[in-house]
N, C-alpha and C. Protein backbone atom coordinates (compact mmCIF):
# COMPACT_ATOMS: atom_id res chain seq x y z
N MET A 1 46.93 -12.06 25.50
CA MET A 1 47.85 -11.48 24.55
C MET A 1 47.37 -11.77 23.12
N LYS A 2 46.89 -13.02 22.92
CA LYS A 2 46.42 -13.40 21.58
C LYS A 2 45.19 -12.57 21.19
N LYS A 3 44.32 -12.29 22.16
CA LYS A 3 43.13 -11.49 21.88
C LYS A 3 43.51 -10.06 21.49
N LEU A 4 44.51 -9.53 22.16
CA LEU A 4 44.96 -8.18 21.87
C LEU A 4 45.53 -8.07 20.47
N ILE A 5 46.35 -9.04 20.08
CA ILE A 5 46.94 -9.05 18.74
C ILE A 5 45.84 -9.23 17.70
N LEU A 6 44.91 -10.12 17.97
CA LEU A 6 43.80 -10.36 17.04
C LEU A 6 42.94 -9.10 16.87
N SER A 7 42.69 -8.39 17.97
CA SER A 7 41.88 -7.18 17.87
C SER A 7 42.61 -6.08 17.10
N PHE A 8 43.95 -5.96 17.26
CA PHE A 8 44.71 -4.98 16.49
C PHE A 8 44.72 -5.32 15.00
N ILE A 9 44.85 -6.59 14.69
CA ILE A 9 44.83 -7.01 13.28
C ILE A 9 43.46 -6.71 12.67
N THR A 10 42.41 -7.01 13.40
CA THR A 10 41.05 -6.74 12.92
C THR A 10 40.83 -5.25 12.71
N MET A 11 41.30 -4.44 13.66
CA MET A 11 41.14 -3.00 13.55
C MET A 11 41.92 -2.45 12.35
N ALA A 12 43.13 -2.94 12.14
CA ALA A 12 43.93 -2.48 11.00
C ALA A 12 43.26 -2.88 9.68
N PHE A 13 42.72 -4.08 9.63
CA PHE A 13 42.02 -4.54 8.43
C PHE A 13 40.81 -3.66 8.13
N LEU A 14 40.04 -3.35 9.16
CA LEU A 14 38.85 -2.51 8.97
C LEU A 14 39.22 -1.09 8.55
N LEU A 15 40.31 -0.57 9.09
CA LEU A 15 40.74 0.77 8.70
C LEU A 15 41.18 0.82 7.24
N VAL A 16 41.68 -0.29 6.73
CA VAL A 16 42.12 -0.33 5.33
C VAL A 16 40.94 -0.54 4.39
N VAL A 17 40.01 -1.39 4.76
CA VAL A 17 38.93 -1.79 3.86
C VAL A 17 37.76 -0.81 3.85
N LEU A 18 37.29 -0.37 4.99
CA LEU A 18 36.06 0.43 5.07
C LEU A 18 36.14 1.78 4.37
N PRO A 19 37.19 2.57 4.53
CA PRO A 19 37.19 3.87 3.84
C PRO A 19 37.08 3.78 2.33
N SER A 20 37.68 2.77 1.73
CA SER A 20 37.58 2.64 0.27
C SER A 20 36.15 2.31 -0.15
N ASN A 21 35.45 1.49 0.62
CA ASN A 21 34.06 1.19 0.30
C ASN A 21 33.19 2.43 0.45
N LEU A 22 33.43 3.21 1.48
CA LEU A 22 32.64 4.41 1.69
C LEU A 22 32.87 5.43 0.58
N LYS A 23 34.09 5.56 0.13
CA LYS A 23 34.41 6.51 -0.93
C LYS A 23 33.74 6.10 -2.25
N ALA A 24 33.70 4.81 -2.52
CA ALA A 24 33.07 4.33 -3.75
C ALA A 24 31.58 4.65 -3.75
N ASN A 25 30.92 4.52 -2.63
CA ASN A 25 29.49 4.83 -2.55
C ASN A 25 29.24 6.32 -2.73
N GLU A 26 30.12 7.17 -2.25
CA GLU A 26 29.94 8.61 -2.38
C GLU A 26 29.99 9.05 -3.84
N ASP A 27 30.86 8.44 -4.64
CA ASP A 27 30.97 8.81 -6.05
C ASP A 27 29.67 8.52 -6.79
N VAL A 28 29.09 7.36 -6.52
CA VAL A 28 27.83 6.99 -7.17
C VAL A 28 26.71 7.91 -6.72
N LYS A 29 26.67 8.21 -5.42
CA LYS A 29 25.62 9.08 -4.90
C LYS A 29 25.72 10.48 -5.47
N SER A 30 26.95 11.01 -5.58
CA SER A 30 27.10 12.38 -6.06
C SER A 30 26.65 12.52 -7.51
N ALA A 31 26.89 11.50 -8.33
CA ALA A 31 26.44 11.56 -9.72
C ALA A 31 24.91 11.56 -9.79
N LYS A 32 24.27 10.72 -8.99
CA LYS A 32 22.81 10.68 -8.98
C LYS A 32 22.24 11.98 -8.42
N GLU A 33 22.88 12.52 -7.37
CA GLU A 33 22.38 13.74 -6.76
C GLU A 33 22.46 14.92 -7.72
N SER A 34 23.53 14.99 -8.50
CA SER A 34 23.66 16.12 -9.42
C SER A 34 22.59 16.08 -10.51
N GLU A 35 22.26 14.87 -10.97
CA GLU A 35 21.19 14.75 -11.98
C GLU A 35 19.85 15.14 -11.39
N THR A 36 19.54 14.60 -10.21
CA THR A 36 18.25 14.90 -9.62
C THR A 36 18.18 16.35 -9.16
N LEU A 37 19.31 16.90 -8.74
CA LEU A 37 19.31 18.28 -8.28
C LEU A 37 18.97 19.25 -9.41
N THR A 38 19.53 19.02 -10.59
CA THR A 38 19.21 19.90 -11.71
C THR A 38 17.74 19.77 -12.12
N GLU A 39 17.22 18.54 -12.07
CA GLU A 39 15.81 18.35 -12.39
C GLU A 39 14.92 19.04 -11.37
N VAL A 40 15.28 18.90 -10.09
CA VAL A 40 14.47 19.51 -9.03
C VAL A 40 14.52 21.03 -9.12
N LYS A 41 15.71 21.58 -9.38
CA LYS A 41 15.82 23.04 -9.51
C LYS A 41 14.97 23.55 -10.67
N ALA A 42 14.98 22.83 -11.78
CA ALA A 42 14.17 23.25 -12.92
C ALA A 42 12.68 23.21 -12.57
N GLU A 43 12.26 22.15 -11.89
CA GLU A 43 10.85 22.03 -11.51
C GLU A 43 10.46 23.11 -10.50
N LEU A 44 11.34 23.38 -9.54
CA LEU A 44 11.05 24.42 -8.56
C LEU A 44 10.96 25.80 -9.21
N ASN A 45 11.85 26.05 -10.16
CA ASN A 45 11.80 27.34 -10.87
C ASN A 45 10.51 27.48 -11.66
N LYS A 46 10.04 26.37 -12.26
CA LYS A 46 8.76 26.42 -12.98
C LYS A 46 7.62 26.74 -12.03
N MET A 47 7.65 26.12 -10.84
CA MET A 47 6.58 26.37 -9.87
C MET A 47 6.61 27.81 -9.38
N VAL A 48 7.81 28.35 -9.12
CA VAL A 48 7.92 29.74 -8.66
C VAL A 48 7.42 30.68 -9.75
N ASP A 49 7.76 30.40 -11.00
CA ASP A 49 7.28 31.23 -12.11
C ASP A 49 5.76 31.18 -12.22
N ARG A 50 5.19 29.99 -12.01
CA ARG A 50 3.73 29.84 -12.09
C ARG A 50 3.05 30.62 -10.97
N VAL A 51 3.62 30.58 -9.77
CA VAL A 51 3.04 31.33 -8.65
C VAL A 51 3.11 32.83 -8.94
N ALA A 52 4.22 33.29 -9.49
CA ALA A 52 4.35 34.71 -9.84
C ALA A 52 3.33 35.09 -10.91
N GLU A 53 3.12 34.19 -11.86
CA GLU A 53 2.15 34.44 -12.93
C GLU A 53 0.73 34.54 -12.36
N ILE A 54 0.41 33.67 -11.41
CA ILE A 54 -0.92 33.70 -10.80
C ILE A 54 -1.10 34.97 -9.98
N ASN A 55 -0.04 35.39 -9.28
CA ASN A 55 -0.13 36.61 -8.48
C ASN A 55 -0.32 37.85 -9.34
N GLU A 56 0.19 37.84 -10.55
CA GLU A 56 0.05 38.98 -11.45
C GLU A 56 -1.31 39.02 -12.14
N MET A 57 -2.04 37.91 -12.11
CA MET A 57 -3.33 37.85 -12.79
C MET A 57 -4.37 38.69 -12.04
N ASP A 58 -5.36 39.16 -12.79
CA ASP A 58 -6.50 39.85 -12.19
C ASP A 58 -7.54 38.79 -11.86
N LEU A 59 -7.60 38.41 -10.58
CA LEU A 59 -8.49 37.33 -10.18
C LEU A 59 -9.96 37.74 -10.19
N LYS A 60 -10.23 39.02 -10.12
CA LYS A 60 -11.62 39.48 -10.14
C LYS A 60 -12.26 39.26 -11.51
N ALA A 61 -11.45 39.20 -12.54
CA ALA A 61 -11.98 39.00 -13.89
C ALA A 61 -12.33 37.53 -14.13
N LEU A 62 -11.85 36.64 -13.28
CA LEU A 62 -12.11 35.21 -13.45
C LEU A 62 -13.45 34.83 -12.83
N SER A 63 -13.99 33.73 -13.31
CA SER A 63 -15.24 33.23 -12.73
C SER A 63 -14.93 32.53 -11.41
N LYS A 64 -15.98 32.20 -10.69
CA LYS A 64 -15.83 31.57 -9.38
C LYS A 64 -15.13 30.22 -9.50
N ASP A 65 -15.49 29.44 -10.51
CA ASP A 65 -14.87 28.13 -10.70
C ASP A 65 -13.39 28.25 -11.06
N GLU A 66 -13.06 29.25 -11.87
CA GLU A 66 -11.66 29.45 -12.24
C GLU A 66 -10.82 29.86 -11.04
N ARG A 67 -11.41 30.69 -10.15
CA ARG A 67 -10.67 31.08 -8.94
C ARG A 67 -10.45 29.89 -8.03
N LYS A 68 -11.47 29.01 -7.93
CA LYS A 68 -11.30 27.80 -7.12
C LYS A 68 -10.19 26.93 -7.69
N GLU A 69 -10.14 26.83 -9.00
CA GLU A 69 -9.09 26.04 -9.64
C GLU A 69 -7.71 26.63 -9.36
N MET A 70 -7.60 27.94 -9.38
CA MET A 70 -6.33 28.61 -9.06
C MET A 70 -5.91 28.31 -7.63
N LYS A 71 -6.88 28.35 -6.71
CA LYS A 71 -6.57 28.05 -5.31
C LYS A 71 -6.09 26.61 -5.16
N ARG A 72 -6.74 25.69 -5.86
CA ARG A 72 -6.32 24.29 -5.80
C ARG A 72 -4.89 24.12 -6.33
N GLU A 73 -4.62 24.82 -7.42
CA GLU A 73 -3.28 24.74 -8.01
C GLU A 73 -2.23 25.30 -7.05
N LEU A 74 -2.54 26.42 -6.40
CA LEU A 74 -1.60 27.00 -5.45
C LEU A 74 -1.39 26.09 -4.25
N ARG A 75 -2.46 25.44 -3.78
CA ARG A 75 -2.30 24.48 -2.68
C ARG A 75 -1.42 23.31 -3.09
N GLY A 76 -1.58 22.84 -4.31
CA GLY A 76 -0.74 21.75 -4.81
C GLY A 76 0.72 22.15 -4.89
N ILE A 77 0.97 23.37 -5.35
CA ILE A 77 2.35 23.86 -5.42
C ILE A 77 2.94 23.97 -4.03
N LYS A 78 2.13 24.43 -3.07
CA LYS A 78 2.60 24.55 -1.70
C LYS A 78 2.96 23.18 -1.13
N LYS A 79 2.14 22.17 -1.42
CA LYS A 79 2.44 20.81 -0.95
C LYS A 79 3.73 20.29 -1.58
N ASP A 80 3.94 20.60 -2.85
CA ASP A 80 5.17 20.16 -3.51
C ASP A 80 6.39 20.82 -2.89
N PHE A 81 6.28 22.11 -2.57
CA PHE A 81 7.39 22.80 -1.91
C PHE A 81 7.70 22.15 -0.56
N LYS A 82 6.65 21.83 0.19
CA LYS A 82 6.87 21.18 1.49
C LYS A 82 7.52 19.82 1.31
N LYS A 83 7.09 19.09 0.28
CA LYS A 83 7.67 17.77 0.03
C LYS A 83 9.15 17.88 -0.27
N TYR A 84 9.52 18.85 -1.10
CA TYR A 84 10.93 19.02 -1.43
C TYR A 84 11.73 19.54 -0.25
N SER A 85 11.14 20.40 0.56
CA SER A 85 11.89 20.97 1.68
C SER A 85 12.12 19.93 2.77
N LYS A 86 11.27 18.91 2.85
CA LYS A 86 11.45 17.86 3.85
C LYS A 86 12.13 16.63 3.27
N SER A 87 12.77 16.79 2.15
CA SER A 87 13.44 15.68 1.48
C SER A 87 14.63 15.19 2.29
N ASP A 88 14.95 13.89 2.17
CA ASP A 88 16.11 13.32 2.84
C ASP A 88 17.41 13.82 2.22
N ASN A 89 17.35 14.18 0.97
CA ASN A 89 18.54 14.67 0.27
C ASN A 89 18.75 16.13 0.64
N PRO A 90 19.87 16.46 1.29
CA PRO A 90 20.08 17.85 1.71
C PRO A 90 20.19 18.83 0.54
N ALA A 91 20.69 18.37 -0.59
CA ALA A 91 20.81 19.27 -1.74
C ALA A 91 19.43 19.66 -2.27
N VAL A 92 18.51 18.71 -2.28
CA VAL A 92 17.15 18.99 -2.76
C VAL A 92 16.44 19.93 -1.80
N SER A 93 16.57 19.68 -0.50
CA SER A 93 15.91 20.55 0.47
C SER A 93 16.52 21.95 0.43
N GLU A 94 17.83 22.06 0.18
CA GLU A 94 18.47 23.37 0.05
C GLU A 94 17.96 24.10 -1.19
N ALA A 95 17.76 23.37 -2.28
CA ALA A 95 17.24 23.99 -3.50
C ALA A 95 15.82 24.50 -3.27
N ALA A 96 15.01 23.74 -2.53
CA ALA A 96 13.66 24.19 -2.23
C ALA A 96 13.68 25.43 -1.35
N ALA A 97 14.57 25.43 -0.37
CA ALA A 97 14.68 26.60 0.51
C ALA A 97 15.15 27.82 -0.28
N GLU A 98 16.05 27.60 -1.21
CA GLU A 98 16.56 28.70 -2.04
C GLU A 98 15.46 29.28 -2.92
N ALA A 99 14.58 28.42 -3.42
CA ALA A 99 13.50 28.89 -4.28
C ALA A 99 12.47 29.69 -3.48
N VAL A 100 12.26 29.33 -2.23
CA VAL A 100 11.27 30.00 -1.41
C VAL A 100 11.84 31.24 -0.72
N ARG A 101 13.15 31.30 -0.61
CA ARG A 101 13.81 32.36 0.15
C ARG A 101 13.42 33.76 -0.31
N ALA A 102 13.09 33.92 -1.54
CA ALA A 102 12.76 35.25 -2.06
C ALA A 102 11.40 35.74 -1.61
N SER A 103 10.67 34.92 -0.86
CA SER A 103 9.30 35.28 -0.51
C SER A 103 9.19 36.27 0.64
N GLY A 104 10.22 36.48 1.45
CA GLY A 104 10.13 37.47 2.51
C GLY A 104 11.02 37.16 3.69
N VAL A 105 10.96 38.06 4.67
CA VAL A 105 11.75 37.91 5.89
C VAL A 105 10.79 37.59 7.02
N TYR A 106 11.13 36.59 7.81
CA TYR A 106 10.29 36.19 8.92
C TYR A 106 11.01 36.47 10.23
N ILE A 107 10.30 37.07 11.18
CA ILE A 107 10.85 37.35 12.50
C ILE A 107 9.96 36.62 13.51
N SER A 108 10.58 35.86 14.38
CA SER A 108 9.80 35.12 15.37
C SER A 108 9.22 36.09 16.40
N GLY A 109 8.24 35.62 17.14
CA GLY A 109 7.60 36.46 18.15
C GLY A 109 8.55 36.88 19.25
N GLY A 110 9.42 35.96 19.68
CA GLY A 110 10.39 36.28 20.72
C GLY A 110 11.38 37.33 20.26
N ALA A 111 11.84 37.21 19.03
CA ALA A 111 12.78 38.20 18.49
C ALA A 111 12.12 39.56 18.37
N LEU A 112 10.87 39.58 17.96
CA LEU A 112 10.14 40.84 17.85
C LEU A 112 9.98 41.49 19.22
N LEU A 113 9.68 40.69 20.23
CA LEU A 113 9.54 41.20 21.60
C LEU A 113 10.85 41.79 22.10
N VAL A 114 11.96 41.12 21.86
CA VAL A 114 13.27 41.61 22.28
C VAL A 114 13.60 42.92 21.56
N ILE A 115 13.30 43.01 20.28
CA ILE A 115 13.56 44.24 19.53
C ILE A 115 12.75 45.40 20.08
N ILE A 116 11.50 45.17 20.39
CA ILE A 116 10.64 46.23 20.94
C ILE A 116 11.15 46.69 22.30
N ILE A 117 11.53 45.74 23.16
CA ILE A 117 12.06 46.09 24.48
C ILE A 117 13.34 46.90 24.35
N LEU A 118 14.22 46.49 23.45
CA LEU A 118 15.47 47.24 23.25
C LEU A 118 15.19 48.65 22.73
N LEU A 119 14.23 48.79 21.85
CA LEU A 119 13.89 50.12 21.34
C LEU A 119 13.32 51.01 22.44
N ILE A 120 12.55 50.44 23.33
CA ILE A 120 11.97 51.22 24.43
C ILE A 120 13.06 51.64 25.42
N LEU A 121 13.95 50.71 25.75
CA LEU A 121 15.00 51.00 26.73
C LEU A 121 16.05 51.96 26.20
N LEU A 122 16.35 51.87 24.94
CA LEU A 122 17.39 52.72 24.38
C LEU A 122 16.75 53.94 23.79
C-alpha cells in the first residue's frame, strides 16, 4: 500500500514539474530557430539566384578554366543544399526543400509504370 501511494505521489509530482520544464526549453529553441531560419532562407535564396545566373550565362564564351570553375561552384552549391536538406532542424530542411521545389516534378519509375499501364488499359 505504501509503495502504491509513493508511486502516485511521484507520478503527480512529475506531471506537475516536467511540462513546465519542457515548455521553457521550447521558447528558447523557437527564438533561436527563427533567427537561424531567416539566415538560412537568405543564404538559400542567394544560392538559387546564383544557380539561375549561371544557367543564363553563355558557357561557350568562357574559357575552359572558367567553365571548370563554374562546375566546381555548382557542385559546392549542390553540397550545401544537401547539407541543409539533411539538417536536424525541420524548419531548415523545409526551407531547403522549398528552395529546391521550383526545379521540377519527379515521378518514380513505379508510378510511371502504373500510369502507362492505366493508359493502355483505358
